C-alpha atoms as a PDB file:
ATOM      1  CA  MET A   1     203.977-101.383 -72.562  1.00  0.00           C
ATOM      2  CA  LYS A   2     201.171-102.755 -70.483  1.00  0.00           C
ATOM      3  CA  THR A   3     198.224-105.126 -71.783  1.00  0.00           C
ATOM      4  CA  THR A   4     194.869-104.621 -70.866  1.00  0.00           C
ATOM      5  CA  ASN A   5     192.458-107.255 -69.682  1.00  0.00           C
ATOM      6  CA  ALA A   6     188.510-108.166 -71.163  1.00  0.00           C
ATOM      7  CA  LYS A   7     187.374-106.651 -67.634  1.00  0.00           C
ATOM      8  CA  GLU A   8     189.551-103.311 -67.664  1.00  0.00           C
ATOM      9  CA  LEU A   9     188.349-102.614 -70.997  1.00  0.00           C
ATOM     10  CA  ASN A  10     184.584-103.335 -70.232  1.00  0.00           C
ATOM     11  CA  GLU A  11     184.864-101.248 -67.259  1.00  0.00           C
ATOM     12  CA  GLN A  12     186.635 -98.332 -69.337  1.00  0.00           C
ATOM     13  CA  TYR A  13     183.658 -98.501 -72.169  1.00  0.00           C
ATOM     14  CA  LYS A  14     181.141 -99.561 -70.023  1.00  0.00           C
ATOM     15  CA  ASP A  15     179.275 -95.789 -71.186  1.00  0.00           C
ATOM     16  CA  CYS A  16     179.382 -96.218 -74.559  1.00  0.00           C
ATOM     17  CA  PRO A  17     176.774 -97.916 -76.419  1.00  0.00           C
ATOM     18  CA  THR A  18     176.916-101.183 -77.857  1.00  0.00           C
ATOM     19  CA  GLN A  19     175.617-103.837 -79.830  1.00  0.00           C
ATOM     20  CA  GLU A  20     175.067-107.405 -78.716  1.00  0.00           C
ATOM     21  CA  GLN A  21     175.028-110.200 -81.604  1.00  0.00           C
ATOM     22  CA  GLU A  22     175.026-114.108 -80.687  1.00  0.00           C
ATOM     23  CA  PHE A  23     176.152-116.668 -83.215  1.00  0.00           C
ATOM     24  CA  GLU A  24     176.595-120.298 -83.426  1.00  0.00           C
ATOM     25  CA  ILE A  25     179.247-121.989 -84.579  1.00  0.00           C
ATOM     26  CA  GLU A  26     179.870-125.685 -84.597  1.00  0.00           C
ATOM     27  CA  GLY A  27     177.313-125.939 -81.601  1.00  0.00           C
ATOM     28  CA  ARG A  28     178.375-123.886 -79.646  1.00  0.00           C
ATOM     29  CA  LYS A  29     176.883-120.526 -78.841  1.00  0.00           C
ATOM     30  CA  TYR A  30     178.996-117.209 -79.148  1.00  0.00           C
ATOM     31  CA  ILE A  31     178.169-113.917 -77.679  1.00  0.00           C
ATOM     32  CA  ILE A  32     179.768-110.750 -78.536  1.00  0.00           C
ATOM     33  CA  ILE A  33     179.246-107.329 -77.332  1.00  0.00           C
ATOM     34  CA  SER A  34     180.487-104.730 -79.647  1.00  0.00           C
ATOM     35  CA  HIS A  35     181.446-101.509 -77.431  1.00  0.00           C
ATOM     36  CA  TYR A  36     181.235 -98.221 -79.938  1.00  0.00           C
ATOM     37  CA  THR A  37     183.890 -95.628 -78.439  1.00  0.00           C
ATOM     38  CA  GLY A  38     183.817 -92.906 -81.551  1.00  0.00           C
ATOM     39  CA  LYS A  39     187.440 -94.168 -82.012  1.00  0.00           C
ATOM     40  CA  LYS A  40     187.122 -94.438 -85.880  1.00  0.00           C
ATOM     41  CA  ASP A  41     186.655 -92.275 -88.677  1.00  0.00           C
ATOM     42  CA  LEU A  42     183.302 -92.957 -90.289  1.00  0.00           C
ATOM     43  CA  ASP A  43     183.879 -91.695 -93.218  1.00  0.00           C
ATOM     44  CA  GLU A  44     187.285 -93.723 -93.656  1.00  0.00           C
ATOM     45  CA  VAL A  45     185.514 -96.961 -92.350  1.00  0.00           C
ATOM     46  CA  VAL A  46     182.681 -96.735 -95.045  1.00  0.00           C
ATOM     47  CA  TYR A  47     184.602 -95.539 -97.902  1.00  0.00           C
ATOM     48  CA  ARG A  48     186.978 -98.581 -97.099  1.00  0.00           C
ATOM     49  CA  ASN A  49     184.307-100.794 -96.825  1.00  0.00           C
ATOM     50  CA  ALA A  50     182.535 -99.915-100.391  1.00  0.00           C
ATOM     51  CA  TYR A  51     186.183 -99.831-101.924  1.00  0.00           C
ATOM     52  CA  ASN A  52     186.673-103.438-100.709  1.00  0.00           C
ATOM     53  CA  GLN A  53     182.848-104.589-101.538  1.00  0.00           C
ATOM     54  CA  ALA A  54     183.455-103.169-105.111  1.00  0.00           C
ATOM     55  CA  MET A  55     186.606-104.693-105.748  1.00  0.00           C
ATOM     56  CA  ASP A  56     185.442-107.771-104.846  1.00  0.00           C
ATOM     57  CA  GLU A  57     182.645-108.099-107.281  1.00  0.00           C
ATOM     58  CA  VAL A  58     184.548-107.082-109.936  1.00  0.00           C
ATOM     59  CA  LEU A  59     187.602-109.227-109.690  1.00  0.00           C
ATOM     60  CA  HIS A  60     185.640-112.306-108.172  1.00  0.00           C
ATOM     61  CA  ALA A  61     182.501-111.822-110.920  1.00  0.00           C
END
């Protein structure tokens, strides 16, 4: 099984929409770039996030 490095992934998904976020953790800045490749089922992701949030609210209230 061949592993893909970050440079190869950037090249593969260079034409996909991206979002860039900057975080600071313990005084160090990190930049996260998300590439939207369209490989996830949006309905499933939204359902799973809503379900997890509801369960967290019920169980940890």
